[in-house]
Amino acid sequence: MSFDILITGGTVIDGTGSPGYRADLGITGDRIIGMGNLSGSDAGKTIDATGLTLSPGWIDTHAHSDGALLIDPQHANGLRQGITTEILDQDGLSYAPLSPENYRMYRRYLAGLLGEPPEDLDMSTMAAFRTHYRGVGPNTVCLVPHGPLRISVVGFRDAPIRGAELDKAKDILRQGMADGARGLATGMSYYPNAYSDTEELIELNKVVAEEGGVYVTHLRDHETDRGYGGGGVAEALEIGRRSGVKVHFSHYRTQPDTAGMVDELMAEIDAAKAEGVDVSLECYPYPVGSSFPLSFFNGDFHDGGADAVLERLADADERARYVNELNEYGLIGKTLAENVWSVIGPESHKYLEGMYFGDVAEERGVSVAEMIVDVMLETGLSVGYRGAPPHGTKLWRQVEADVMQLLSRDDYMIGSDAIPIGEFHHPRAFGCFPRVVGRLRRRLGYPLEQVVQRLTQNPAERFGLTDRGVLAEGKFADVVVFDAERIIDLSSFEDPRIHPAGIPYVLINGEIAVDEESCTGVLAGRPIP
């Protein structure tokens, strides 16, 4: 037989959870057309994988790469991890469907999270959104983001969606799914998403359920009086019960204050699953997260969008009000001083990247709360932050053990929650997947075939990604070739922009995107399914 690419001598972990086996892999075009003993075959390119493992390409179920891919389509931070597909529009924070004016406004509002892609892109529909991700490094999957959906219907304001507005929202959502979106994404720490109530979300998700999609949720912790049961897990499960939608929990894991409490974490969810609520979940293997400081503020602070926020911050009376609000935020368990500025847009303030909030405040001679609102104003909201890891290694390792225990469940996946912008971003943007497959799997003794299944077949089946997630003849040739004993993350909180080791080859749609641990410049990714 003759192939475009022939991978020989490797051990195949096919993504189904079955034990590995020795096989060659033959690829022509964008598909696998031969598996087994292919000795005697010829090929345009042969990869010797002796001593290495072949698996389906890894699927990142939660990536904030919407803007980064439009700025740097190579996306080496994902490809070098073995990620061949990323699911965008997470937390309901993205760019479509929006009018040109609203796209420019929301782009600025989200700059500290997603960066600043070109201003003149057509984001009027999900179909238009998807066109911008042809010819980037990884494949991309879209969800209809709740924020732009609300802006398109009632603007960036605290208004209910009922009656004619709800009908319009449903029509936009239905069209978005017809255009290829795999569900609805929301984030209830963010705006305008949090202006919604449970009834709105139930009605929207009836459409998602009818279309066979997934409701992806970052749980509510803002405007909690609007959420069933005070928001959080109770609200998400009630939406699943009453709409019939498949519910997917974003970054659901223990944290330093709940380390070791996996059974307690899952109790309410397992009870709902026993009732018939269809739930899946994802996590990432780090004890702290990353976001943008707009998430610190409630309600009317956000009303009107980016320009209105900046006007409030520039008004002395309003500034004082929101400084007080931040001080109250700091009293409910959020140690603001220990956060780190990870993303700073303007060159004039780049020196702040990598600095602790407390240190910047001390340098300026103001409180941490005053420093935060001042930096937001000075940078035009183009700022992001990350948490600092726990001081104790034992606590950190307990969270990692909890993550691997969660991944032993058949309803879990990995979502990196990567924000790949800034010099001092969270290390998950460069290291999440090899940390799980390498460092933590080996240290804690989990079966390789089980871990790979959670990164491949599980998300492909959950999000309806046709002919992906498994290595078999006829499937798309998204392939990771790695050294199971050497693969390891090297990205750290001190030096986060370091690529992993032990992943010499990555193929996307039958093209070699990573060759001998270097990106080839090939941009074979496409919007799927």
Foldseek 3Di string as FASTA:
>chain_A
DEAAEKEAAAWELFLPLDDTDHWIWGHHFQFTADIHPPPPYYHNYYHYQRLWYKYFQFEFEAELALQVCLVALLLLLQVLLRHAEYEYCAQLQHQPLDDLVVSQQSLLLCCQQHNHHDSPQHRNALLSSQVSQAQGAHAYAYANRPARLCCVQPRFALDEQDDPSLVVSLVRRLVNVVSGHQYYHHEQLDPPRVSYALVSLLSSVLSNVVSQHEYEYNWHPAPLVRAVVSIDPVRQLVSCVRSVHAYEYEAQFDALVCQPPLCVSCVVVVVSVVVPRHYFYEHFQWRWWKWFVVSLDHDPCQRPGLVSNLVLLVDPVSVVVQLVSSVVSCVPPDVQQQKAWFWAPDPVPLVRHGPGLVVVCVVVVHDSSSSRSVSCNVRSRNTMIIGDGDPDPVSSVSRNVRNVVVLLDLRYAYHLNDRPDGFQGALSSNFGNLAVQEVSCVVVPDDNSSNLNRRFVNVCVNSVFPQTRTDDGPRGPFMWMFNSHQWHGDADSVGRPDHTDTTQWTDHSRHTQHHGSHGPSRRRYRHTD
